[in-house]
Amino acid sequence: NGTILNFKTSGPPAATTVSAPVVTTQVATVGTTTATLRGTVNPSGDQTTYWFEYSKSSLLSTILGSTSHTAITGAGTSPTNVATPITGLERNTRYYFRIVAENSVGTIRSDIAEFRTK
């Protein structure tokens, strides 16, 4: 028999804290029939998908359109600037929009912002 040796394991990986995403709207860039909707998304430690909803209704009670779902890969914990162009808007019309983000914890909607086409 040989000498008795010992060793120590590092144990399970440290638990990561994941929470719902954090979103904010920013000022849109506006043209006559187009706009680029802007905001920030903090994925809060989990892969997150975001999109914009827009409407002529100030409560977004009737959603005219929704941009395509775009994933923020990785599990960052810092805000990421995001922007999505939309087309086919009416001239000289007020629109309202918000950013929506979803991860494994839940779905969060930002405050509603507005813009007017030229």
Protein backbone atom coordinates (compact mmCIF):
# COMPACT_ATOMS: atom_id res chain seq x y z
CA ASN A 1 0.00 0.00 0.00
CA GLY A 2 1.14 3.51 -0.77
CA THR A 3 0.98 6.75 1.15
CA ILE A 4 -2.48 8.18 1.84
CA LEU A 5 -3.03 11.45 -0.02
CA ASN A 6 -5.86 13.95 0.13
CA PHE A 7 -7.37 16.50 -2.24
CA LYS A 8 -9.98 19.25 -2.19
CA THR A 9 -12.61 19.93 -4.87
CA SER A 10 -13.75 23.40 -5.81
CA GLY A 11 -17.42 22.51 -5.32
CA PRO A 12 -20.35 23.45 -7.54
CA PRO A 13 -20.18 26.63 -9.60
CA ALA A 14 -21.38 29.77 -7.89
CA ALA A 15 -25.05 30.50 -8.46
CA THR A 16 -25.72 33.35 -10.85
CA THR A 17 -28.43 35.84 -10.13
CA VAL A 18 -30.86 36.31 -12.97
CA SER A 19 -33.66 38.86 -12.91
CA ALA A 20 -36.16 40.39 -15.31
CA PRO A 21 -34.71 42.65 -18.00
CA VAL A 22 -34.61 46.42 -17.52
CA VAL A 23 -35.75 48.57 -20.47
CA THR A 24 -35.95 52.28 -21.26
CA THR A 25 -37.18 54.15 -24.32
CA GLN A 26 -35.10 56.87 -25.90
CA VAL A 27 -35.88 59.60 -28.42
CA ALA A 28 -36.84 58.28 -31.87
CA THR A 29 -35.23 59.59 -35.05
CA VAL A 30 -38.08 60.65 -37.33
CA GLY A 31 -38.62 61.17 -41.08
CA THR A 32 -41.75 61.82 -43.13
CA THR A 33 -42.94 58.20 -43.28
CA THR A 34 -40.18 56.48 -41.31
CA ALA A 35 -38.77 56.40 -37.80
CA THR A 36 -35.98 54.67 -35.95
CA LEU A 37 -37.18 53.57 -32.54
CA ARG A 38 -34.48 53.62 -29.86
CA GLY A 39 -34.02 52.31 -26.35
CA THR A 40 -31.81 50.37 -23.98
CA VAL A 41 -32.09 46.80 -22.76
CA ASN A 42 -30.26 45.37 -19.76
CA PRO A 43 -30.58 41.57 -20.00
CA SER A 44 -29.97 41.25 -16.24
CA GLY A 45 -27.88 38.11 -16.49
CA ASP A 46 -29.99 36.08 -18.94
CA GLN A 47 -30.37 35.84 -22.71
CA THR A 48 -33.06 38.36 -23.61
CA THR A 49 -35.26 39.05 -26.62
CA TYR A 50 -36.61 42.55 -27.29
CA TRP A 51 -38.97 44.26 -29.71
CA PHE A 52 -40.78 47.59 -30.12
CA GLU A 53 -44.54 48.08 -30.23
CA TYR A 54 -46.06 51.21 -31.80
CA SER A 55 -49.50 52.70 -32.23
CA LYS A 56 -51.49 55.90 -32.80
CA SER A 57 -53.14 55.23 -29.42
CA SER A 58 -51.42 56.87 -26.43
CA LEU A 59 -52.22 53.77 -24.35
CA LEU A 60 -51.03 51.42 -27.08
CA SER A 61 -54.49 49.84 -26.81
CA THR A 62 -54.42 49.09 -30.54
CA ILE A 63 -50.95 47.98 -31.61
CA LEU A 64 -50.41 49.03 -35.23
CA GLY A 65 -47.16 47.19 -35.52
CA SER A 66 -44.49 45.28 -33.71
CA THR A 67 -40.90 45.03 -34.85
CA SER A 68 -39.23 41.67 -35.21
CA HIS A 69 -37.95 39.94 -32.09
CA THR A 70 -34.22 40.41 -31.72
CA ALA A 71 -32.06 38.50 -29.26
CA ILE A 72 -29.34 39.96 -27.10
CA THR A 73 -26.95 37.08 -26.79
CA GLY A 74 -25.02 36.36 -23.67
CA ALA A 75 -26.03 37.16 -20.18
CA GLY A 76 -24.77 40.68 -19.68
CA THR A 77 -25.71 42.94 -16.83
CA SER A 78 -25.21 46.32 -18.50
CA PRO A 79 -27.62 48.33 -20.66
CA THR A 80 -27.26 47.79 -24.40
CA ASN A 81 -28.37 50.47 -26.88
CA VAL A 82 -30.86 49.11 -29.41
CA ALA A 83 -32.59 50.67 -32.42
CA THR A 84 -35.04 49.43 -35.03
CA PRO A 85 -36.21 51.27 -38.17
CA ILE A 86 -39.88 51.24 -39.15
CA THR A 87 -41.43 52.35 -42.43
CA GLY A 88 -44.86 52.97 -43.93
CA LEU A 89 -45.94 55.56 -41.38
CA GLU A 90 -48.36 58.39 -42.18
CA ARG A 91 -46.98 61.91 -42.64
CA ASN A 92 -47.48 64.51 -39.89
CA THR A 93 -48.93 61.93 -37.49
CA ARG A 94 -48.31 61.36 -33.78
CA TYR A 95 -47.23 57.82 -32.83
CA TYR A 96 -46.53 56.19 -29.48
CA PHE A 97 -44.08 53.39 -28.84
CA ARG A 98 -42.43 51.30 -26.17
CA ILE A 99 -39.77 48.64 -25.96
CA VAL A 100 -40.63 45.18 -24.66
CA ALA A 101 -38.02 42.69 -23.42
CA GLU A 102 -38.39 39.10 -22.31
CA ASN A 103 -36.08 36.59 -20.62
CA SER A 104 -36.60 33.46 -18.54
CA VAL A 105 -37.76 35.55 -15.56
CA GLY A 106 -40.46 37.57 -17.31
CA THR A 107 -41.63 40.16 -19.83
CA ILE A 108 -41.10 43.88 -19.13
CA ARG A 109 -42.56 46.88 -21.00
CA SER A 110 -40.99 50.34 -20.90
CA ASP A 111 -42.78 53.61 -20.40
CA ILE A 112 -44.56 54.84 -23.51
CA ALA A 113 -42.78 57.52 -25.58
CA GLU A 114 -44.05 59.48 -28.56
CA PHE A 115 -42.93 61.04 -31.83
CA ARG A 116 -44.52 62.88 -34.75
CA THR A 117 -43.63 62.19 -38.35
CA LYS A 118 -42.72 65.19 -40.51
